[in-house]
N, C-alpha and C. Protein backbone atom coordinates (compact mmCIF):
# COMPACT_ATOMS: atom_id res chain seq x y z
N UNK A 1 10.03 21.44 5.13
CA UNK A 1 10.47 20.16 5.96
C UNK A 1 11.69 20.42 6.74
N UNK A 2 12.10 19.35 7.34
CA UNK A 2 13.28 19.30 8.22
C UNK A 2 14.53 19.33 7.29
N UNK A 3 15.52 20.18 7.59
CA UNK A 3 16.70 20.25 6.66
C UNK A 3 17.38 18.89 6.65
N UNK A 4 17.93 18.57 5.52
CA UNK A 4 18.59 17.27 5.27
C UNK A 4 20.12 17.50 5.34
N UNK A 5 20.88 16.44 5.54
CA UNK A 5 22.33 16.48 5.50
C UNK A 5 22.62 16.85 4.05
N UNK A 6 21.90 16.43 3.09
CA UNK A 6 22.22 16.66 1.69
C UNK A 6 21.16 17.72 1.26
N UNK A 7 21.52 19.02 1.01
CA UNK A 7 20.59 20.12 0.78
C UNK A 7 19.92 19.93 -0.57
N UNK A 8 20.39 19.03 -1.50
CA UNK A 8 19.70 18.84 -2.79
C UNK A 8 18.36 18.03 -2.54
N UNK A 9 18.31 17.36 -1.35
CA UNK A 9 17.14 16.54 -1.15
C UNK A 9 16.08 17.28 -0.35
N UNK A 10 14.95 17.56 -0.97
CA UNK A 10 13.89 18.25 -0.26
C UNK A 10 13.01 17.25 0.45
N UNK A 11 12.36 17.71 1.56
CA UNK A 11 11.56 16.93 2.33
C UNK A 11 10.14 17.58 2.33
N UNK A 12 9.10 16.87 1.95
CA UNK A 12 7.77 17.47 2.04
C UNK A 12 6.77 16.32 2.44
N UNK A 13 5.72 16.75 3.05
CA UNK A 13 4.66 15.82 3.41
C UNK A 13 3.42 16.14 2.59
N UNK A 14 3.01 15.14 1.76
CA UNK A 14 1.85 15.42 0.89
C UNK A 14 0.57 15.49 1.80
N UNK A 15 -0.39 16.25 1.21
CA UNK A 15 -1.68 16.35 1.96
C UNK A 15 -2.41 15.00 1.88
N UNK A 16 -2.98 14.64 2.97
CA UNK A 16 -3.81 13.42 3.05
C UNK A 16 -5.15 13.69 3.67
N UNK A 17 -6.13 12.89 3.31
CA UNK A 17 -7.44 13.02 3.93
C UNK A 17 -7.50 12.06 5.06
N UNK A 18 -8.14 12.55 6.18
CA UNK A 18 -8.33 11.65 7.40
C UNK A 18 -9.38 10.69 6.96
N UNK A 19 -9.28 9.53 7.60
CA UNK A 19 -10.26 8.47 7.37
C UNK A 19 -9.75 7.08 7.28
N UNK A 20 -10.52 6.13 7.26
CA UNK A 20 -10.17 4.81 7.10
C UNK A 20 -9.97 4.42 5.53
N UNK A 21 -8.77 4.02 5.15
CA UNK A 21 -8.48 3.87 3.73
C UNK A 21 -9.44 2.90 2.95
N UNK A 22 -9.77 1.75 3.54
CA UNK A 22 -10.58 0.79 2.86
C UNK A 22 -12.01 1.27 2.62
N UNK A 23 -12.51 1.98 3.69
CA UNK A 23 -13.82 2.60 3.49
C UNK A 23 -13.84 3.68 2.42
N UNK A 24 -12.79 4.48 2.37
CA UNK A 24 -12.68 5.47 1.34
C UNK A 24 -12.59 4.86 -0.10
N UNK A 25 -11.83 3.76 -0.18
CA UNK A 25 -11.77 3.03 -1.44
C UNK A 25 -13.11 2.50 -1.92
N UNK A 26 -13.85 1.87 -1.00
CA UNK A 26 -15.20 1.38 -1.32
C UNK A 26 -16.09 2.47 -1.72
N UNK A 27 -16.11 3.60 -1.00
CA UNK A 27 -16.96 4.71 -1.31
C UNK A 27 -16.70 5.19 -2.70
N UNK A 28 -15.35 5.40 -3.05
CA UNK A 28 -14.98 5.83 -4.37
C UNK A 28 -15.45 4.92 -5.44
N UNK A 29 -15.25 3.63 -5.14
CA UNK A 29 -15.78 2.59 -6.15
C UNK A 29 -17.32 2.68 -6.38
N UNK A 30 -18.05 2.77 -5.32
CA UNK A 30 -19.49 2.88 -5.42
C UNK A 30 -19.87 4.16 -6.14
N UNK A 31 -19.29 5.22 -5.85
CA UNK A 31 -19.59 6.49 -6.50
C UNK A 31 -19.22 6.38 -7.97
N UNK A 32 -18.16 5.80 -8.43
CA UNK A 32 -17.88 5.61 -9.85
C UNK A 32 -18.94 4.78 -10.53
N UNK A 33 -19.42 3.64 -9.81
CA UNK A 33 -20.45 2.87 -10.39
C UNK A 33 -21.76 3.58 -10.59
N UNK A 34 -22.13 4.20 -9.52
CA UNK A 34 -23.47 4.93 -9.45
C UNK A 34 -23.49 6.05 -10.44
N UNK A 35 -22.39 6.79 -10.56
CA UNK A 35 -22.29 8.03 -11.47
C UNK A 35 -21.81 7.67 -12.85
N UNK A 36 -21.38 6.41 -13.01
CA UNK A 36 -20.77 5.91 -14.29
C UNK A 36 -19.62 6.91 -14.64
N UNK A 37 -18.82 7.20 -13.74
CA UNK A 37 -17.69 8.04 -13.94
C UNK A 37 -16.39 7.23 -13.91
N UNK A 38 -15.30 7.86 -14.32
CA UNK A 38 -14.08 7.24 -14.39
C UNK A 38 -13.59 7.01 -12.91
N UNK A 39 -13.11 5.82 -12.55
CA UNK A 39 -12.67 5.48 -11.21
C UNK A 39 -11.35 6.32 -10.92
N UNK A 40 -11.05 6.62 -9.69
CA UNK A 40 -9.85 7.27 -9.33
C UNK A 40 -8.63 6.37 -9.66
N UNK A 41 -8.70 5.13 -9.51
CA UNK A 41 -7.68 4.21 -9.82
C UNK A 41 -8.18 3.32 -11.00
N UNK A 42 -7.42 3.34 -12.11
CA UNK A 42 -7.86 2.45 -13.23
C UNK A 42 -7.68 0.99 -12.94
N UNK A 43 -8.31 0.19 -13.80
CA UNK A 43 -8.25 -1.30 -13.61
C UNK A 43 -6.77 -1.69 -13.74
N UNK A 44 -6.03 -1.21 -14.63
CA UNK A 44 -4.60 -1.60 -14.79
C UNK A 44 -3.84 -1.14 -13.62
N UNK A 45 -4.08 0.07 -13.05
CA UNK A 45 -3.33 0.49 -11.91
C UNK A 45 -3.61 -0.45 -10.62
N UNK A 46 -4.82 -0.75 -10.49
CA UNK A 46 -5.26 -1.62 -9.40
C UNK A 46 -4.64 -3.08 -9.62
N UNK A 47 -4.66 -3.56 -10.82
CA UNK A 47 -4.08 -4.85 -11.06
C UNK A 47 -2.49 -4.83 -10.72
N UNK A 48 -1.93 -3.77 -11.14
CA UNK A 48 -0.41 -3.68 -10.86
C UNK A 48 -0.15 -3.55 -9.41
N UNK A 49 -0.99 -2.79 -8.68
CA UNK A 49 -0.78 -2.64 -7.25
C UNK A 49 -0.98 -3.98 -6.55
N UNK A 50 -2.04 -4.74 -6.98
CA UNK A 50 -2.21 -6.13 -6.42
C UNK A 50 -1.02 -7.04 -6.75
N UNK A 51 -0.55 -6.93 -8.01
CA UNK A 51 0.65 -7.70 -8.32
C UNK A 51 1.83 -7.47 -7.46
N UNK A 52 2.08 -6.15 -7.29
CA UNK A 52 3.19 -5.85 -6.30
C UNK A 52 3.03 -6.28 -4.94
N UNK A 53 1.78 -6.14 -4.44
CA UNK A 53 1.51 -6.60 -3.06
C UNK A 53 1.69 -8.08 -2.89
N UNK A 54 1.28 -8.86 -3.91
CA UNK A 54 1.47 -10.32 -3.89
C UNK A 54 2.92 -10.71 -3.97
N UNK A 55 3.71 -9.98 -4.74
CA UNK A 55 5.09 -10.18 -4.83
C UNK A 55 5.74 -9.91 -3.51
N UNK A 56 5.41 -8.93 -2.81
CA UNK A 56 5.92 -8.57 -1.49
C UNK A 56 5.57 -9.68 -0.49
N UNK A 57 4.34 -10.15 -0.47
CA UNK A 57 3.93 -11.22 0.46
C UNK A 57 4.75 -12.48 0.09
N UNK A 58 4.95 -12.81 -1.11
CA UNK A 58 5.76 -13.96 -1.51
C UNK A 58 7.24 -13.87 -1.04
N UNK A 59 7.78 -12.67 -1.23
CA UNK A 59 9.16 -12.34 -0.78
C UNK A 59 9.26 -12.49 0.72
N UNK A 60 8.37 -12.00 1.42
CA UNK A 60 8.38 -12.14 2.90
C UNK A 60 8.36 -13.62 3.29
N UNK A 61 7.42 -14.42 2.67
CA UNK A 61 7.29 -15.82 2.97
C UNK A 61 8.60 -16.48 2.65
N UNK A 62 9.20 -16.19 1.48
CA UNK A 62 10.47 -16.76 1.10
C UNK A 62 11.54 -16.45 2.08
N UNK A 63 11.62 -15.25 2.51
CA UNK A 63 12.65 -14.91 3.42
C UNK A 63 12.45 -15.64 4.80
N UNK A 64 11.18 -15.70 5.29
CA UNK A 64 10.90 -16.44 6.46
C UNK A 64 11.41 -17.95 6.38
N UNK A 65 11.21 -18.53 5.24
CA UNK A 65 11.73 -19.83 5.07
C UNK A 65 13.29 -19.96 5.11
N UNK A 66 13.95 -18.94 4.44
CA UNK A 66 15.38 -18.91 4.41
C UNK A 66 15.95 -18.70 5.85
N UNK A 67 15.34 -17.93 6.70
CA UNK A 67 15.92 -17.74 7.96
C UNK A 67 15.20 -18.59 9.07
N UNK A 68 14.50 -19.58 8.56
CA UNK A 68 13.81 -20.66 9.41
C UNK A 68 12.86 -20.04 10.48
N UNK A 69 11.95 -19.25 9.98
CA UNK A 69 10.94 -18.71 10.86
C UNK A 69 9.65 -19.52 10.84
N UNK A 70 9.56 -20.57 10.17
CA UNK A 70 8.38 -21.37 10.09
C UNK A 70 7.80 -21.82 11.45
N UNK A 71 8.65 -22.16 12.37
CA UNK A 71 8.17 -22.68 13.68
C UNK A 71 7.82 -21.59 14.70
N UNK A 72 8.06 -20.35 14.30
CA UNK A 72 7.73 -19.24 15.22
C UNK A 72 6.35 -18.68 15.06
N UNK A 73 5.74 -18.37 16.10
CA UNK A 73 4.41 -17.78 16.03
C UNK A 73 4.54 -16.32 16.61
N UNK A 74 3.54 -15.51 16.32
CA UNK A 74 3.59 -14.06 16.82
C UNK A 74 3.61 -14.01 18.32
N UNK A 75 3.01 -14.99 18.98
CA UNK A 75 2.95 -15.09 20.46
C UNK A 75 4.38 -15.28 21.08
N UNK A 76 5.25 -15.84 20.31
CA UNK A 76 6.61 -16.13 20.93
C UNK A 76 7.55 -14.86 20.94
N UNK A 77 7.02 -13.78 20.38
CA UNK A 77 7.92 -12.55 20.33
C UNK A 77 7.64 -11.76 21.57
């Protein structure tokens, strides 16, 4: 990776597969059901990811109210 100001911090880019993420998720789910195999993401991991996502959405909405963004629409930017 690119050298950092702090040499103790390493930079690396993990390998990723090309493709549309939602489609890959659905394919993996269907494969687990068809093959009766263990899913890539467990039920508990999925539930926790959803919980975190909902907390983020709620925090964004709360912040929007605090800074009075209720009357703004995306078209006004």
